[in-house]
Amino acid sequence: MFGCTRMVVGATTWITPLTAGRIFGLGDVANDNRAALVARLYGSRDLVLGGAVVAATDAEAARSALALGVAVDLLDVVASVFGARRGVSKLGAWFVGGGAAVFAACGLVLLIRGEHAPVGPA
């Protein structure tokens, strides 16, 4: 379920980069194609991280995928703090950083509980 949720967030961000860019506070996304690029980079990354969890065929692969996701999410939290301090939209920084913190916490809980067994076909 967690991997699928991450995939949905990533795919939605990749498919609708202008909407995501506005939510993330990336500036004038309607007139700046760089914002769409940044949103799609974020989306593709989350799509693949979620897919790695879903596609894991053994517990070790699932654990590794979750751990990589937690690392990326924690870096996103730090980047959001830096962004907020350097003039990025505070709301956008809180939205991105908060979302990353939630994903990191969920990933950590799954790792600590050992609930990282693959859900796909055995």
PDB file of N, CA and C in Angstrom:
ATOM      1  N   MET A   1       0.819  -1.193   0.000  1.00  0.00           N
ATOM      2  CA  MET A   1       0.000   0.000   0.000  1.00  0.00           C
ATOM      3  C   MET A   1       0.864   1.258   0.000  1.00  0.00           C
ATOM      4  N   PHE A   2       1.914   1.280   0.827  1.00  0.00           N
ATOM      5  CA  PHE A   2       2.779   2.445   0.919  1.00  0.00           C
ATOM      6  C   PHE A   2       3.458   2.735  -0.420  1.00  0.00           C
ATOM      7  N   GLY A   3       3.989   1.702  -1.052  1.00  0.00           N
ATOM      8  CA  GLY A   3       4.637   1.886  -2.356  1.00  0.00           C
ATOM      9  C   GLY A   3       3.663   2.399  -3.399  1.00  0.00           C
ATOM     10  N   CYS A   4       2.442   1.886  -3.378  1.00  0.00           N
ATOM     11  CA  CYS A   4       1.413   2.341  -4.334  1.00  0.00           C
ATOM     12  C   CYS A   4       1.062   3.807  -4.099  1.00  0.00           C
ATOM     13  N   THR A   5       0.972   4.209  -2.846  1.00  0.00           N
ATOM     14  CA  THR A   5       0.674   5.608  -2.529  1.00  0.00           C
ATOM     15  C   THR A   5       1.772   6.512  -3.078  1.00  0.00           C
ATOM     16  N   ARG A   6       3.003   6.108  -2.879  1.00  0.00           N
ATOM     17  CA  ARG A   6       4.121   6.904  -3.388  1.00  0.00           C
ATOM     18  C   ARG A   6       4.093   6.964  -4.911  1.00  0.00           C
ATOM     19  N   MET A   7       3.734   5.873  -5.547  1.00  0.00           N
ATOM     20  CA  MET A   7       3.642   5.861  -7.008  1.00  0.00           C
ATOM     21  C   MET A   7       2.553   6.813  -7.499  1.00  0.00           C
ATOM     22  N   VAL A   8       1.430   6.836  -6.816  1.00  0.00           N
ATOM     23  CA  VAL A   8       0.331   7.737  -7.204  1.00  0.00           C
ATOM     24  C   VAL A   8       0.766   9.196  -7.075  1.00  0.00           C
ATOM     25  N   VAL A   9       1.430   9.531  -5.975  1.00  0.00           N
ATOM     26  CA  VAL A   9       1.922  10.902  -5.791  1.00  0.00           C
ATOM     27  C   VAL A   9       2.906  11.252  -6.910  1.00  0.00           C
ATOM     28  N   GLY A  10       3.824  10.352  -7.197  1.00  0.00           N
ATOM     29  CA  GLY A  10       4.808  10.597  -8.249  1.00  0.00           C
ATOM     30  C   GLY A  10       4.183  10.727  -9.621  1.00  0.00           C
ATOM     31  N   ALA A  11       3.280   9.828  -9.954  1.00  0.00           N
ATOM     32  CA  ALA A  11       2.637   9.874 -11.272  1.00  0.00           C
ATOM     33  C   ALA A  11       1.791  11.129 -11.432  1.00  0.00           C
ATOM     34  N   THR A  12       1.066  11.497 -10.388  1.00  0.00           N
ATOM     35  CA  THR A  12       0.231  12.696 -10.442  1.00  0.00           C
ATOM     36  C   THR A  12       1.093  13.933 -10.635  1.00  0.00           C
ATOM     37  N   THR A  13       2.197  13.998  -9.934  1.00  0.00           N
ATOM     38  CA  THR A  13       3.102  15.136 -10.076  1.00  0.00           C
ATOM     39  C   THR A  13       3.706  15.171 -11.472  1.00  0.00           C
ATOM     40  N   TRP A  14       4.052  14.035 -12.021  1.00  0.00           N
ATOM     41  CA  TRP A  14       4.650  13.981 -13.353  1.00  0.00           C
ATOM     42  C   TRP A  14       3.623  14.372 -14.421  1.00  0.00           C
ATOM     43  N   ILE A  15       2.396  13.900 -14.265  1.00  0.00           N
ATOM     44  CA  ILE A  15       1.352  14.167 -15.274  1.00  0.00           C
ATOM     45  C   ILE A  15       0.845  15.601 -15.189  1.00  0.00           C
ATOM     46  N   THR A  16       0.765  16.171 -13.987  1.00  0.00           N
ATOM     47  CA  THR A  16       0.227  17.533 -13.803  1.00  0.00           C
ATOM     48  C   THR A  16       1.288  18.430 -13.160  1.00  0.00           C
ATOM     49  N   PRO A  17       2.408  18.682 -13.852  1.00  0.00           N
ATOM     50  CA  PRO A  17       3.499  19.426 -13.231  1.00  0.00           C
ATOM     51  C   PRO A  17       3.147  20.881 -12.902  1.00  0.00           C
ATOM     52  N   LEU A  18       2.280  21.502 -13.655  1.00  0.00           N
ATOM     53  CA  LEU A  18       1.943  22.897 -13.369  1.00  0.00           C
ATOM     54  C   LEU A  18       1.168  23.011 -12.063  1.00  0.00           C
ATOM     55  N   THR A  19       0.229  22.106 -11.870  1.00  0.00           N
ATOM     56  CA  THR A  19      -0.523  22.097 -10.611  1.00  0.00           C
ATOM     57  C   THR A  19       0.424  21.797  -9.449  1.00  0.00           C
ATOM     58  N   ALA A  20       1.255  20.795  -9.614  1.00  0.00           N
ATOM     59  CA  ALA A  20       2.212  20.441  -8.555  1.00  0.00           C
ATOM     60  C   ALA A  20       3.163  21.603  -8.300  1.00  0.00           C
ATOM     61  N   GLY A  21       3.628  22.249  -9.342  1.00  0.00           N
ATOM     62  CA  GLY A  21       4.533  23.375  -9.184  1.00  0.00           C
ATOM     63  C   GLY A  21       3.919  24.512  -8.392  1.00  0.00           C
ATOM     64  N   ARG A  22       2.646  24.777  -8.629  1.00  0.00           N
ATOM     65  CA  ARG A  22       1.956  25.812  -7.848  1.00  0.00           C
ATOM     66  C   ARG A  22       1.845  25.405  -6.382  1.00  0.00           C
ATOM     67  N   ILE A  23       1.489  24.150  -6.151  1.00  0.00           N
ATOM     68  CA  ILE A  23       1.351  23.660  -4.776  1.00  0.00           C
ATOM     69  C   ILE A  23       2.696  23.721  -4.050  1.00  0.00           C
ATOM     70  N   PHE A  24       3.773  23.373  -4.758  1.00  0.00           N
ATOM     71  CA  PHE A  24       5.095  23.334  -4.143  1.00  0.00           C
ATOM     72  C   PHE A  24       5.743  24.707  -4.045  1.00  0.00           C
ATOM     73  N   GLY A  25       5.072  25.730  -4.568  1.00  0.00           N
ATOM     74  CA  GLY A  25       5.619  27.080  -4.475  1.00  0.00           C
ATOM     75  C   GLY A  25       6.814  27.319  -5.368  1.00  0.00           C
ATOM     76  N   LEU A  26       6.789  26.758  -6.576  1.00  0.00           N
ATOM     77  CA  LEU A  26       7.924  26.885  -7.489  1.00  0.00           C
ATOM     78  C   LEU A  26       7.917  28.162  -8.319  1.00  0.00           C
ATOM     79  N   GLY A  27       7.037  29.075  -8.021  1.00  0.00           N
ATOM     80  CA  GLY A  27       7.023  30.344  -8.746  1.00  0.00           C
ATOM     81  C   GLY A  27       5.920  30.396  -9.789  1.00  0.00           C
ATOM     82  N   ASP A  28       6.143  31.200 -10.817  1.00  0.00           N
ATOM     83  CA  ASP A  28       5.157  31.429 -11.877  1.00  0.00           C
ATOM     84  C   ASP A  28       5.186  30.261 -12.859  1.00  0.00           C
ATOM     85  N   VAL A  29       4.584  29.151 -12.457  1.00  0.00           N
ATOM     86  CA  VAL A  29       4.673  27.923 -13.249  1.00  0.00           C
ATOM     87  C   VAL A  29       4.004  28.027 -14.612  1.00  0.00           C
ATOM     88  N   ALA A  30       3.023  28.906 -14.743  1.00  0.00           N
ATOM     89  CA  ALA A  30       2.345  29.047 -16.032  1.00  0.00           C
ATOM     90  C   ALA A  30       3.269  29.658 -17.076  1.00  0.00           C
ATOM     91  N   ASN A  31       4.258  30.451 -16.647  1.00  0.00           N
ATOM     92  CA  ASN A  31       5.148  31.134 -17.582  1.00  0.00           C
ATOM     93  C   ASN A  31       6.603  30.700 -17.460  1.00  0.00           C
ATOM     94  N   ASP A  32       6.875  29.703 -16.667  1.00  0.00           N
ATOM     95  CA  ASP A  32       8.251  29.267 -16.444  1.00  0.00           C
ATOM     96  C   ASP A  32       8.315  27.742 -16.558  1.00  0.00           C
ATOM     97  N   ASN A  33       8.824  27.265 -17.670  1.00  0.00           N
ATOM     98  CA  ASN A  33       8.885  25.819 -17.904  1.00  0.00           C
ATOM     99  C   ASN A  33       9.851  25.106 -16.963  1.00  0.00           C
ATOM    100  N   ARG A  34      10.726  25.866 -16.300  1.00  0.00           N
ATOM    101  CA  ARG A  34      11.654  25.223 -15.355  1.00  0.00           C
ATOM    102  C   ARG A  34      10.905  24.601 -14.181  1.00  0.00           C
ATOM    103  N   ALA A  35       9.805  25.243 -13.780  1.00  0.00           N
ATOM    104  CA  ALA A  35       9.015  24.711 -12.670  1.00  0.00           C
ATOM    105  C   ALA A  35       8.417  23.359 -13.039  1.00  0.00           C
ATOM    106  N   ALA A  36       7.921  23.241 -14.276  1.00  0.00           N
ATOM    107  CA  ALA A  36       7.368  21.957 -14.727  1.00  0.00           C
ATOM    108  C   ALA A  36       8.453  20.885 -14.755  1.00  0.00           C
ATOM    109  N   LEU A  37       9.652  21.272 -15.170  1.00  0.00           N
ATOM    110  CA  LEU A  37      10.763  20.321 -15.189  1.00  0.00           C
ATOM    111  C   LEU A  37      11.082  19.822 -13.785  1.00  0.00           C
ATOM    112  N   VAL A  38      11.188  20.747 -12.829  1.00  0.00           N
ATOM    113  CA  VAL A  38      11.502  20.362 -11.449  1.00  0.00           C
ATOM    114  C   VAL A  38      10.405  19.460 -10.883  1.00  0.00           C
ATOM    115  N   ALA A  39       9.151  19.802 -11.134  1.00  0.00           N
ATOM    116  CA  ALA A  39       8.042  18.975 -10.648  1.00  0.00           C
ATOM    117  C   ALA A  39       8.110  17.574 -11.255  1.00  0.00           C
ATOM    118  N   ARG A  40       8.400  17.485 -12.546  1.00  0.00           N
ATOM    119  CA  ARG A  40       8.483  16.164 -13.182  1.00  0.00           C
ATOM    120  C   ARG A  40       9.664  15.357 -12.658  1.00  0.00           C
ATOM    121  N   LEU A  41      10.776  16.009 -12.361  1.00  0.00           N
ATOM    122  CA  LEU A  41      11.913  15.293 -11.770  1.00  0.00           C
ATOM    123  C   LEU A  41      11.518  14.685 -10.426  1.00  0.00           C
ATOM    124  N   TYR A  42      10.836  15.479  -9.616  1.00  0.00           N
ATOM    125  CA  TYR A  42      10.341  14.998  -8.326  1.00  0.00           C
ATOM    126  C   TYR A  42       9.363  13.834  -8.541  1.00  0.00           C
ATOM    127  N   GLY A  43       8.453  14.005  -9.480  1.00  0.00           N
ATOM    128  CA  GLY A  43       7.445  12.976  -9.742  1.00  0.00           C
ATOM    129  C   GLY A  43       8.042  11.664 -10.209  1.00  0.00           C
ATOM    130  N   SER A  44       8.999  11.748 -11.136  1.00  0.00           N
ATOM    131  CA  SER A  44       9.599  10.507 -11.640  1.00  0.00           C
ATOM    132  C   SER A  44      10.360   9.784 -10.540  1.00  0.00           C
ATOM    133  N   ARG A  45      11.020  10.551  -9.680  1.00  0.00           N
ATOM    134  CA  ARG A  45      11.760   9.946  -8.575  1.00  0.00           C
ATOM    135  C   ARG A  45      10.820   9.199  -7.630  1.00  0.00           C
ATOM    136  N   ASP A  46       9.702   9.839  -7.258  1.00  0.00           N
ATOM    137  CA  ASP A  46       8.767   9.183  -6.346  1.00  0.00           C
ATOM    138  C   ASP A  46       8.064   7.996  -7.006  1.00  0.00           C
ATOM    139  N   LEU A  47       7.790   8.110  -8.282  1.00  0.00           N
ATOM    140  CA  LEU A  47       7.185   6.994  -9.009  1.00  0.00           C
ATOM    141  C   LEU A  47       8.098   5.772  -8.961  1.00  0.00           C
ATOM    142  N   VAL A  48       9.379   5.979  -9.184  1.00  0.00           N
ATOM    143  CA  VAL A  48      10.335   4.865  -9.178  1.00  0.00           C
ATOM    144  C   VAL A  48      10.577   4.331  -7.764  1.00  0.00           C
ATOM    145  N   LEU A  49      10.692   5.223  -6.772  1.00  0.00           N
ATOM    146  CA  LEU A  49      10.881   4.746  -5.393  1.00  0.00           C
ATOM    147  C   LEU A  49       9.690   3.902  -4.931  1.00  0.00           C
ATOM    148  N   GLY A  50       8.485   4.342  -5.243  1.00  0.00           N
ATOM    149  CA  GLY A  50       7.303   3.552  -4.903  1.00  0.00           C
ATOM    150  C   GLY A  50       7.267   2.243  -5.664  1.00  0.00           C
ATOM    151  N   GLY A  51       7.635   2.306  -6.943  1.00  0.00           N
ATOM    152  CA  GLY A  51       7.658   1.095  -7.764  1.00  0.00           C
ATOM    153  C   GLY A  51       8.654   0.072  -7.257  1.00  0.00           C
ATOM    154  N   ALA A  52       9.767   0.544  -6.717  1.00  0.00           N
ATOM    155  CA  ALA A  52      10.767  -0.380  -6.176  1.00  0.00           C
ATOM    156  C   ALA A  52      10.217  -1.141  -4.977  1.00  0.00           C
ATOM    157  N   VAL A  53       9.416  -0.468  -4.154  1.00  0.00           N
ATOM    158  CA  VAL A  53       8.796  -1.150  -3.012  1.00  0.00           C
ATOM    159  C   VAL A  53       7.786  -2.182  -3.506  1.00  0.00           C
ATOM    160  N   VAL A  54       6.954  -1.774  -4.461  1.00  0.00           N
ATOM    161  CA  VAL A  54       5.916  -2.670  -4.978  1.00  0.00           C
ATOM    162  C   VAL A  54       6.518  -3.864  -5.709  1.00  0.00           C
ATOM    163  N   ALA A  55       7.594  -3.633  -6.461  1.00  0.00           N
ATOM    164  CA  ALA A  55       8.182  -4.693  -7.289  1.00  0.00           C
ATOM    165  C   ALA A  55       9.135  -5.608  -6.529  1.00  0.00           C
ATOM    166  N   ALA A  56       9.437  -5.273  -5.275  1.00  0.00           N
ATOM    167  CA  ALA A  56      10.385  -6.084  -4.508  1.00  0.00           C
ATOM    168  C   ALA A  56       9.902  -7.524  -4.414  1.00  0.00           C
ATOM    169  N   THR A  57      10.799  -8.441  -4.721  1.00  0.00           N
ATOM    170  CA  THR A  57      10.424  -9.866  -4.714  1.00  0.00           C
ATOM    171  C   THR A  57      10.873 -10.584  -3.443  1.00  0.00           C
ATOM    172  N   ASP A  58      11.631  -9.883  -2.602  1.00  0.00           N
ATOM    173  CA  ASP A  58      12.015 -10.481  -1.323  1.00  0.00           C
ATOM    174  C   ASP A  58      12.127  -9.379  -0.274  1.00  0.00           C
ATOM    175  N   ALA A  59      12.221  -9.791   0.965  1.00  0.00           N
ATOM    176  CA  ALA A  59      12.221  -8.838   2.084  1.00  0.00           C
ATOM    177  C   ALA A  59      13.425  -7.896   2.028  1.00  0.00           C
ATOM    178  N   GLU A  60      14.573  -8.393   1.626  1.00  0.00           N
ATOM    179  CA  GLU A  60      15.773  -7.547   1.563  1.00  0.00           C
ATOM    180  C   GLU A  60      15.613  -6.449   0.515  1.00  0.00           C
ATOM    181  N   ALA A  61      15.071  -6.775  -0.635  1.00  0.00           N
ATOM    182  CA  ALA A  61      14.850  -5.765  -1.674  1.00  0.00           C
ATOM    183  C   ALA A  61      13.835  -4.723  -1.206  1.00  0.00           C
ATOM    184  N   ALA A  62      12.787  -5.177  -0.538  1.00  0.00           N
ATOM    185  CA  ALA A  62      11.776  -4.246  -0.023  1.00  0.00           C
ATOM    186  C   ALA A  62      12.384  -3.350   1.051  1.00  0.00           C
ATOM    187  N   ARG A  63      13.197  -3.914   1.918  1.00  0.00           N
ATOM    188  CA  ARG A  63      13.849  -3.141   2.980  1.00  0.00           C
ATOM    189  C   ARG A  63      14.777  -2.092   2.371  1.00  0.00           C
ATOM    190  N   SER A  64      15.529  -2.466   1.359  1.00  0.00           N
ATOM    191  CA  SER A  64      16.431  -1.521   0.692  1.00  0.00           C
ATOM    192  C   SER A  64      15.658  -0.397   0.017  1.00  0.00           C
ATOM    193  N   ALA A  65      14.572  -0.743  -0.646  1.00  0.00           N
ATOM    194  CA  ALA A  65      13.753   0.273  -1.319  1.00  0.00           C
ATOM    195  C   ALA A  65      13.158   1.252  -0.306  1.00  0.00           C
ATOM    196  N   LEU A  66      12.675   0.722   0.804  1.00  0.00           N
ATOM    197  CA  LEU A  66      12.130   1.591   1.850  1.00  0.00           C
ATOM    198  C   LEU A  66      13.214   2.499   2.429  1.00  0.00           C
ATOM    199  N   ALA A  67      14.392   1.942   2.689  1.00  0.00           N
ATOM    200  CA  ALA A  67      15.480   2.722   3.271  1.00  0.00           C
ATOM    201  C   ALA A  67      15.925   3.835   2.322  1.00  0.00           C
ATOM    202  N   LEU A  68      15.987   3.554   1.037  1.00  0.00           N
ATOM    203  CA  LEU A  68      16.334   4.598   0.063  1.00  0.00           C
ATOM    204  C   LEU A  68      15.282   5.697   0.047  1.00  0.00           C
ATOM    205  N   GLY A  69      14.030   5.314   0.118  1.00  0.00           N
ATOM    206  CA  GLY A  69      12.953   6.303   0.163  1.00  0.00           C
ATOM    207  C   GLY A  69      13.040   7.181   1.395  1.00  0.00           C
ATOM    208  N   VAL A  70      13.339   6.582   2.542  1.00  0.00           N
ATOM    209  CA  VAL A  70      13.479   7.358   3.780  1.00  0.00           C
ATOM    210  C   VAL A  70      14.634   8.350   3.641  1.00  0.00           C
ATOM    211  N   ALA A  71      15.743   7.910   3.074  1.00  0.00           N
ATOM    212  CA  ALA A  71      16.890   8.807   2.897  1.00  0.00           C
ATOM    213  C   ALA A  71      16.531   9.993   2.008  1.00  0.00           C
ATOM    214  N   VAL A  72      15.872   9.723   0.900  1.00  0.00           N
ATOM    215  CA  VAL A  72      15.456  10.800  -0.012  1.00  0.00           C
ATOM    216  C   VAL A  72      14.485  11.745   0.688  1.00  0.00           C
ATOM    217  N   ASP A  73      13.543  11.189   1.430  1.00  0.00           N
ATOM    218  CA  ASP A  73      12.548  12.015   2.119  1.00  0.00           C
ATOM    219  C   ASP A  73      13.200  12.919   3.164  1.00  0.00           C
ATOM    220  N   LEU A  74      14.159  12.398   3.904  1.00  0.00           N
ATOM    221  CA  LEU A  74      14.838  13.222   4.900  1.00  0.00           C
ATOM    222  C   LEU A  74      15.634  14.343   4.231  1.00  0.00           C
ATOM    223  N   LEU A  75      16.255  14.054   3.093  1.00  0.00           N
ATOM    224  CA  LEU A  75      16.942  15.106   2.341  1.00  0.00           C
ATOM    225  C   LEU A  75      15.945  16.153   1.841  1.00  0.00           C
ATOM    226  N   ASP A  76      14.758  15.716   1.456  1.00  0.00           N
ATOM    227  CA  ASP A  76      13.718  16.665   1.029  1.00  0.00           C
ATOM    228  C   ASP A  76      13.286  17.580   2.172  1.00  0.00           C
ATOM    229  N   VAL A  77      13.217  17.037   3.381  1.00  0.00           N
ATOM    230  CA  VAL A  77      12.866  17.865   4.542  1.00  0.00           C
ATOM    231  C   VAL A  77      13.927  18.946   4.730  1.00  0.00           C
ATOM    232  N   VAL A  78      15.193  18.563   4.681  1.00  0.00           N
ATOM    233  CA  VAL A  78      16.283  19.527   4.836  1.00  0.00           C
ATOM    234  C   VAL A  78      16.239  20.558   3.710  1.00  0.00           C
ATOM    235  N   ALA A  79      16.025  20.110   2.477  1.00  0.00           N
ATOM    236  CA  ALA A  79      15.945  21.045   1.347  1.00  0.00           C
ATOM    237  C   ALA A  79      14.787  22.022   1.523  1.00  0.00           C
ATOM    238  N   SER A  80      13.689  21.563   2.077  1.00  0.00           N
ATOM    239  CA  SER A  80      12.540  22.438   2.317  1.00  0.00           C
ATOM    240  C   SER A  80      12.865  23.506   3.349  1.00  0.00           C
ATOM    241  N   VAL A  81      13.600  23.139   4.374  1.00  0.00           N
ATOM    242  CA  VAL A  81      14.022  24.116   5.383  1.00  0.00           C
ATOM    243  C   VAL A  81      14.942  25.155   4.736  1.00  0.00           C
ATOM    244  N   PHE A  82      15.917  24.695   3.960  1.00  0.00           N
ATOM    245  CA  PHE A  82      16.802  25.626   3.260  1.00  0.00           C
ATOM    246  C   PHE A  82      16.002  26.553   2.348  1.00  0.00           C
ATOM    247  N   GLY A  83      15.060  25.978   1.606  1.00  0.00           N
ATOM    248  CA  GLY A  83      14.239  26.775   0.693  1.00  0.00           C
ATOM    249  C   GLY A  83      13.431  27.829   1.421  1.00  0.00           C
ATOM    250  N   ALA A  84      12.835  27.463   2.524  1.00  0.00           N
ATOM    251  CA  ALA A  84      12.024  28.407   3.299  1.00  0.00           C
ATOM    252  C   ALA A  84      12.890  29.551   3.822  1.00  0.00           C
ATOM    253  N   ARG A  85      14.120  29.248   4.176  1.00  0.00           N
ATOM    254  CA  ARG A  85      15.035  30.286   4.679  1.00  0.00           C
ATOM    255  C   ARG A  85      15.555  31.188   3.564  1.00  0.00           C
ATOM    256  N   ARG A  86      15.437  30.737   2.316  1.00  0.00           N
ATOM    257  CA  ARG A  86      15.988  31.504   1.198  1.00  0.00           C
ATOM    258  C   ARG A  86      14.909  32.067   0.279  1.00  0.00           C
ATOM    259  N   GLY A  87      13.693  32.183   0.795  1.00  0.00           N
ATOM    260  CA  GLY A  87      12.678  32.899   0.046  1.00  0.00           C
ATOM    261  C   GLY A  87      11.672  32.068  -0.731  1.00  0.00           C
ATOM    262  N   VAL A  88      11.785  30.748  -0.691  1.00  0.00           N
ATOM    263  CA  VAL A  88      10.765  29.917  -1.322  1.00  0.00           C
ATOM    264  C   VAL A  88       9.466  30.106  -0.546  1.00  0.00           C
ATOM    265  N   SER A  89       8.359  29.988  -1.222  1.00  0.00           N
ATOM    266  CA  SER A  89       7.055  30.105  -0.561  1.00  0.00           C
ATOM    267  C   SER A  89       7.040  29.269   0.718  1.00  0.00           C
ATOM    268  N   LYS A  90       6.721  29.908   1.829  1.00  0.00           N
ATOM    269  CA  LYS A  90       6.673  29.189   3.117  1.00  0.00           C
ATOM    270  C   LYS A  90       5.636  28.075   3.065  1.00  0.00           C
ATOM    271  N   LEU A  91       4.485  28.367   2.475  1.00  0.00           N
ATOM    272  CA  LEU A  91       3.444  27.346   2.364  1.00  0.00           C
ATOM    273  C   LEU A  91       3.933  26.173   1.518  1.00  0.00           C
ATOM    274  N   GLY A  92       4.578  26.475   0.399  1.00  0.00           N
ATOM    275  CA  GLY A  92       5.118  25.413  -0.449  1.00  0.00           C
ATOM    276  C   GLY A  92       6.172  24.592   0.260  1.00  0.00           C
ATOM    277  N   ALA A  93       7.058  25.286   0.990  1.00  0.00           N
ATOM    278  CA  ALA A  93       8.106  24.576   1.719  1.00  0.00           C
ATOM    279  C   ALA A  93       7.513  23.685   2.804  1.00  0.00           C
ATOM    280  N   TRP A  94       6.497  24.184   3.502  1.00  0.00           N
ATOM    281  CA  TRP A  94       5.833  23.363   4.525  1.00  0.00           C
ATOM    282  C   TRP A  94       5.109  22.181   3.887  1.00  0.00           C
ATOM    283  N   PHE A  95       4.484  22.407   2.731  1.00  0.00           N
ATOM    284  CA  PHE A  95       3.756  21.327   2.060  1.00  0.00           C
ATOM    285  C   PHE A  95       4.725  20.232   1.622  1.00  0.00           C
ATOM    286  N   VAL A  96       5.799  20.635   0.937  1.00  0.00           N
ATOM    287  CA  VAL A  96       6.769  19.646   0.462  1.00  0.00           C
ATOM    288  C   VAL A  96       7.495  18.989   1.635  1.00  0.00           C
ATOM    289  N   GLY A  97       7.991  19.806   2.558  1.00  0.00           N
ATOM    290  CA  GLY A  97       8.715  19.262   3.702  1.00  0.00           C
ATOM    291  C   GLY A  97       7.834  18.404   4.587  1.00  0.00           C
ATOM    292  N   GLY A  98       6.591  18.848   4.779  1.00  0.00           N
ATOM    293  CA  GLY A  98       5.656  18.060   5.583  1.00  0.00           C
ATOM    294  C   GLY A  98       5.319  16.735   4.936  1.00  0.00           C
ATOM    295  N   GLY A  99       5.084  16.759   3.630  1.00  0.00           N
ATOM    296  CA  GLY A  99       4.808  15.515   2.903  1.00  0.00           C
ATOM    297  C   GLY A  99       5.986  14.562   2.962  1.00  0.00           C
ATOM    298  N   ALA A 100       7.187  15.117   2.800  1.00  0.00           N
ATOM    299  CA  ALA A 100       8.389  14.285   2.877  1.00  0.00           C
ATOM    300  C   ALA A 100       8.558  13.703   4.279  1.00  0.00           C
ATOM    301  N   ALA A 101       8.254  14.510   5.295  1.00  0.00           N
ATOM    302  CA  ALA A 101       8.366  14.018   6.670  1.00  0.00           C
ATOM    303  C   ALA A 101       7.382  12.876   6.927  1.00  0.00           C
ATOM    304  N   VAL A 102       6.175  12.999   6.381  1.00  0.00           N
ATOM    305  CA  VAL A 102       5.179  11.931   6.542  1.00  0.00           C
ATOM    306  C   VAL A 102       5.660  10.653   5.848  1.00  0.00           C
ATOM    307  N   PHE A 103       6.162  10.790   4.602  1.00  0.00           N
ATOM    308  CA  PHE A 103       6.680   9.607   3.903  1.00  0.00           C
ATOM    309  C   PHE A 103       7.852   8.990   4.664  1.00  0.00           C
ATOM    310  N   ALA A 104       8.760   9.833   5.183  1.00  0.00           N
ATOM    311  CA  ALA A 104       9.905   9.310   5.939  1.00  0.00           C
ATOM    312  C   ALA A 104       9.433   8.570   7.182  1.00  0.00           C
ATOM    313  N   ALA A 105       8.492   9.157   7.910  1.00  0.00           N
ATOM    314  CA  ALA A 105       7.979   8.513   9.122  1.00  0.00           C
ATOM    315  C   ALA A 105       7.310   7.182   8.798  1.00  0.00           C
ATOM    316  N   CYS A 106       6.507   7.157   7.758  1.00  0.00           N
ATOM    317  CA  CYS A 106       5.840   5.898   7.368  1.00  0.00           C
ATOM    318  C   CYS A 106       6.866   4.839   6.984  1.00  0.00           C
ATOM    319  N   GLY A 107       7.865   5.232   6.200  1.00  0.00           N
ATOM    320  CA  GLY A 107       8.908   4.290   5.815  1.00  0.00           C
ATOM    321  C   GLY A 107       9.674   3.760   7.012  1.00  0.00           C
ATOM    322  N   LEU A 108       9.989   4.642   7.960  1.00  0.00           N
ATOM    323  CA  LEU A 108      10.691   4.215   9.166  1.00  0.00           C
ATOM    324  C   LEU A 108       9.850   3.255   9.999  1.00  0.00           C
ATOM    325  N   VAL A 109       8.572   3.553  10.138  1.00  0.00           N
ATOM    326  CA  VAL A 109       7.682   2.652  10.891  1.00  0.00           C
ATOM    327  C   VAL A 109       7.661   1.276  10.239  1.00  0.00           C
ATOM    328  N   LEU A 110       7.534   1.235   8.921  1.00  0.00           N
ATOM    329  CA  LEU A 110       7.520  -0.062   8.233  1.00  0.00           C
ATOM    330  C   LEU A 110       8.840  -0.805   8.431  1.00  0.00           C
ATOM    331  N   LEU A 111       9.947  -0.078   8.366  1.00  0.00           N
ATOM    332  CA  LEU A 111      11.250  -0.719   8.574  1.00  0.00           C
ATOM    333  C   LEU A 111      11.397  -1.239  10.005  1.00  0.00           C
ATOM    334  N   ILE A 112      11.017  -0.430  10.982  1.00  0.00           N
ATOM    335  CA  ILE A 112      11.151  -0.828  12.392  1.00  0.00           C
ATOM    336  C   ILE A 112      10.259  -2.016  12.716  1.00  0.00           C
ATOM    337  N   ARG A 113       9.048  -2.007  12.201  1.00  0.00           N
ATOM    338  CA  ARG A 113       8.118  -3.114  12.462  1.00  0.00           C
ATOM    339  C   ARG A 113       8.450  -4.355  11.655  1.00  0.00           C
ATOM    340  N   GLY A 114       9.319  -4.209  10.676  1.00  0.00           N
ATOM    341  CA  GLY A 114       9.643  -5.343   9.810  1.00  0.00           C
ATOM    342  C   GLY A 114       8.543  -5.647   8.824  1.00  0.00           C
ATOM    343  N   GLU A 115       7.692  -4.676   8.567  1.00  0.00           N
ATOM    344  CA  GLU A 115       6.576  -4.883   7.627  1.00  0.00           C
ATOM    345  C   GLU A 115       6.990  -4.427   6.237  1.00  0.00           C
ATOM    346  N   HIS A 116       8.008  -5.065   5.730  1.00  0.00           N
ATOM    347  CA  HIS A 116       8.532  -4.682   4.437  1.00  0.00           C
ATOM    348  C   HIS A 116       8.517  -5.852   3.462  1.00  0.00           C
ATOM    349  N   ALA A 117       7.814  -6.906   3.838  1.00  0.00           N
ATOM    350  CA  ALA A 117       7.724  -8.067   2.964  1.00  0.00           C
ATOM    351  C   ALA A 117       7.025  -7.671   1.662  1.00  0.00           C
ATOM    352  N   PRO A 118       7.443  -8.222   0.571  1.00  0.00           N
ATOM    353  CA  PRO A 118       6.828  -7.882  -0.710  1.00  0.00           C
ATOM    354  C   PRO A 118       5.349  -8.257  -0.728  1.00  0.00           C
ATOM    355  N   VAL A 119       4.579  -7.453  -1.448  1.00  0.00           N
ATOM    356  CA  VAL A 119       3.146  -7.713  -1.563  1.00  0.00           C
ATOM    357  C   VAL A 119       2.804  -8.281  -2.931  1.00  0.00           C
ATOM    358  N   GLY A 120       3.773  -8.309  -3.819  1.00  0.00           N
ATOM    359  CA  GLY A 120       3.529  -8.813  -5.171  1.00  0.00           C
ATOM    360  C   GLY A 120       3.570 -10.328  -5.209  1.00  0.00           C
ATOM    361  N   PRO A 121       3.513 -10.885  -6.424  1.00  0.00           N
ATOM    362  CA  PRO A 121       3.538 -12.346  -6.566  1.00  0.00           C
ATOM    363  C   PRO A 121       4.830 -12.928  -6.020  1.00  0.00           C
ATOM    364  N   ALA A 122       4.724 -14.079  -5.416  1.00  0.00           N
ATOM    365  CA  ALA A 122       5.902 -14.738  -4.831  1.00  0.00           C
ATOM    366  C   ALA A 122       6.678 -15.487  -5.862  1.00  0.00           C
TER     367      ALA A 122
END
